[in-house]
Protein backbone atom coordinates (compact mmCIF):
# COMPACT_ATOMS: atom_id res chain seq x y z
CA UNK A 1 18.58 29.92 -26.46
CA UNK A 2 19.85 31.85 -23.41
CA UNK A 3 18.60 35.44 -23.58
CA UNK A 4 19.57 38.12 -21.12
CA UNK A 5 16.53 39.19 -19.09
CA UNK A 6 15.12 42.54 -20.10
CA UNK A 7 15.88 45.36 -17.68
CA UNK A 8 12.92 47.03 -16.00
CA UNK A 9 11.54 50.25 -17.41
CA UNK A 10 10.98 51.27 -13.79
CA UNK A 11 10.64 49.45 -10.46
CA UNK A 12 7.95 50.47 -7.97
CA UNK A 13 9.40 50.13 -4.45
CA UNK A 14 6.74 49.58 -1.80
CA UNK A 15 7.79 50.03 1.83
CA UNK A 16 6.63 51.16 5.25
CA UNK A 17 7.65 54.66 6.28
CA UNK A 18 9.81 53.31 9.11
CA UNK A 19 11.80 51.25 6.55
CA UNK A 20 12.68 54.32 4.47
CA UNK A 21 16.41 54.10 5.24
CA UNK A 22 16.51 50.58 3.82
CA UNK A 23 14.35 51.62 0.85
CA UNK A 24 16.90 54.37 0.12
CA UNK A 25 19.76 51.85 0.17
CA UNK A 26 17.98 49.40 -2.12
CA UNK A 27 16.93 52.18 -4.51
CA UNK A 28 20.52 53.47 -4.64
CA UNK A 29 21.84 50.01 -5.51
CA UNK A 30 19.27 49.55 -8.28
CA UNK A 31 19.90 53.02 -9.70
CA UNK A 32 23.67 52.49 -9.61
CA UNK A 33 23.10 49.51 -11.90
CA UNK A 34 20.95 51.51 -14.34
CA UNK A 35 17.53 50.47 -13.03
CA UNK A 36 15.11 53.36 -12.50
CA UNK A 37 13.16 53.21 -9.23
CA UNK A 38 10.05 55.00 -8.03
CA UNK A 39 9.10 55.16 -4.39
CA UNK A 40 7.45 57.66 -2.13
CA UNK A 41 10.10 59.31 0.03
CA UNK A 42 7.76 62.06 1.14
CA UNK A 43 4.12 62.93 0.79
CA UNK A 44 4.10 65.32 -2.20
CA UNK A 45 1.55 67.99 -1.33
CA UNK A 46 -1.62 66.90 0.41
CA UNK A 47 -2.92 63.39 0.98
CA UNK A 48 -5.07 63.47 -2.17
CA UNK A 49 -2.12 64.44 -4.37
CA UNK A 50 0.05 61.78 -2.69
CA UNK A 51 -2.51 59.07 -3.49
CA UNK A 52 -2.68 60.21 -7.11
CA UNK A 53 1.12 60.15 -7.42
CA UNK A 54 1.23 56.57 -6.10
CA UNK A 55 -1.53 55.48 -8.48
CA UNK A 56 0.23 57.12 -11.42
CA UNK A 57 3.54 55.44 -10.52
CA UNK A 58 1.91 52.02 -10.14
CA UNK A 59 0.52 52.39 -13.67
CA UNK A 60 3.90 53.45 -15.13
CA UNK A 61 6.19 50.91 -13.48
CA UNK A 62 6.67 47.43 -14.89
CA UNK A 63 8.23 45.71 -11.82
CA UNK A 64 7.06 45.75 -8.21
CA UNK A 65 9.39 45.28 -5.25
CA UNK A 66 7.95 45.12 -1.74
CA UNK A 67 10.07 45.42 1.41
CA UNK A 68 8.74 43.06 4.08
CA UNK A 69 9.12 43.87 7.76
CA UNK A 70 6.91 43.95 10.86
CA UNK A 71 6.04 47.56 9.94
CA UNK A 72 5.18 46.84 6.31
CA UNK A 73 2.78 44.00 7.11
CA UNK A 74 0.85 46.50 9.26
CA UNK A 75 0.91 49.27 6.64
CA UNK A 76 -2.39 49.98 4.93
CA UNK A 77 -0.51 51.56 1.99
CA UNK A 78 1.84 48.63 1.44
CA UNK A 79 -1.18 46.32 1.46
CA UNK A 80 -3.02 48.50 -1.07
CA UNK A 81 -0.01 48.78 -3.36
CA UNK A 82 0.65 45.03 -3.26
CA UNK A 83 -3.01 44.17 -3.81
CA UNK A 84 -3.05 46.41 -6.88
CA UNK A 85 0.14 44.87 -8.27
CA UNK A 86 -1.15 41.34 -7.77
CA UNK A 87 -4.16 41.92 -10.04
CA UNK A 88 -2.26 43.68 -12.83
CA UNK A 89 -1.21 41.49 -15.76
CA UNK A 90 1.93 43.57 -16.42
CA UNK A 91 3.26 42.68 -12.96
CA UNK A 92 2.80 38.94 -13.52
CA UNK A 93 6.11 37.24 -12.62
CA UNK A 94 7.52 40.70 -11.84
CA UNK A 95 6.75 41.02 -8.13
CA UNK A 96 9.77 40.71 -5.85
CA UNK A 97 9.35 40.41 -2.08
CA UNK A 98 12.42 41.49 -0.12
CA UNK A 99 12.47 40.17 3.43
CA UNK A 100 14.11 42.90 5.48
CA UNK A 101 13.17 41.47 8.88
CA UNK A 102 11.34 38.32 9.88
CA UNK A 103 7.62 38.99 9.95
CA UNK A 104 4.27 37.40 9.28
CA UNK A 105 4.32 38.39 5.59
CA UNK A 106 1.37 36.12 4.81
CA UNK A 107 -0.77 38.47 6.89
CA UNK A 108 -0.05 41.12 4.25
CA UNK A 109 -1.19 38.80 1.47
CA UNK A 110 -1.45 35.00 1.43
CA UNK A 111 0.12 34.73 -2.03
CA UNK A 112 3.49 35.99 -0.77
CA UNK A 113 4.19 32.44 0.41
CA UNK A 114 4.38 31.39 -3.26
CA UNK A 115 7.00 33.96 -4.28
CA UNK A 116 10.75 33.50 -4.16
CA UNK A 117 12.01 35.88 -1.45
CA UNK A 118 15.13 37.98 -1.53
CA UNK A 119 16.36 37.67 2.05
CA UNK A 120 18.10 40.76 3.40
CA UNK A 121 18.16 38.85 6.70
CA UNK A 122 21.28 37.01 5.40
CA UNK A 123 23.05 40.29 4.68
CA UNK A 124 22.75 43.31 2.44
CA UNK A 125 25.44 42.37 -0.10
CA UNK A 126 24.25 38.79 -0.77
CA UNK A 127 20.67 40.05 -1.06
CA UNK A 128 21.68 42.74 -3.58
CA UNK A 129 23.57 40.15 -5.61
CA UNK A 130 20.53 37.87 -5.66
CA UNK A 131 18.20 40.74 -6.53
CA UNK A 132 20.28 41.93 -9.46
CA UNK A 133 20.65 38.38 -10.82
CA UNK A 134 16.94 38.52 -11.61
CA UNK A 135 17.86 40.87 -14.47
CA UNK A 136 21.15 39.20 -15.34
CA UNK A 137 23.22 41.89 -13.63
CA UNK A 138 26.22 41.56 -11.33
CA UNK A 139 26.43 43.73 -8.25
CA UNK A 140 29.37 46.08 -8.47
CA UNK A 141 29.42 48.28 -5.35
């Protein structure tokens, strides 16, 4: 029986601050297709409140998307967010690495080598199409 994949309740989008423009574009595509996205665009309040907001979002979301770039593999926060997602049962088979720029992504976490990558390096449109196929959706810009 061929069932349509269930749409995410909400996708957590992990990214380095310097990749925010690309995170915005990806989030806009997902939202335009009816997929809610959470990601930190700014630091809400102080550092303590920001950390709590991230923790709360990680507990609420049911999919995890990580943007990979030279900046993200150096980001302490991306590493923390990914490490958390990797040990949560609800994120099992629901972690999507998006390769924005070639980088040593295994330095972020060795298990990334085992995941199927969405490669933005081949172009934004083909990558969006591949990403949305995960949930049985067609990209309609």
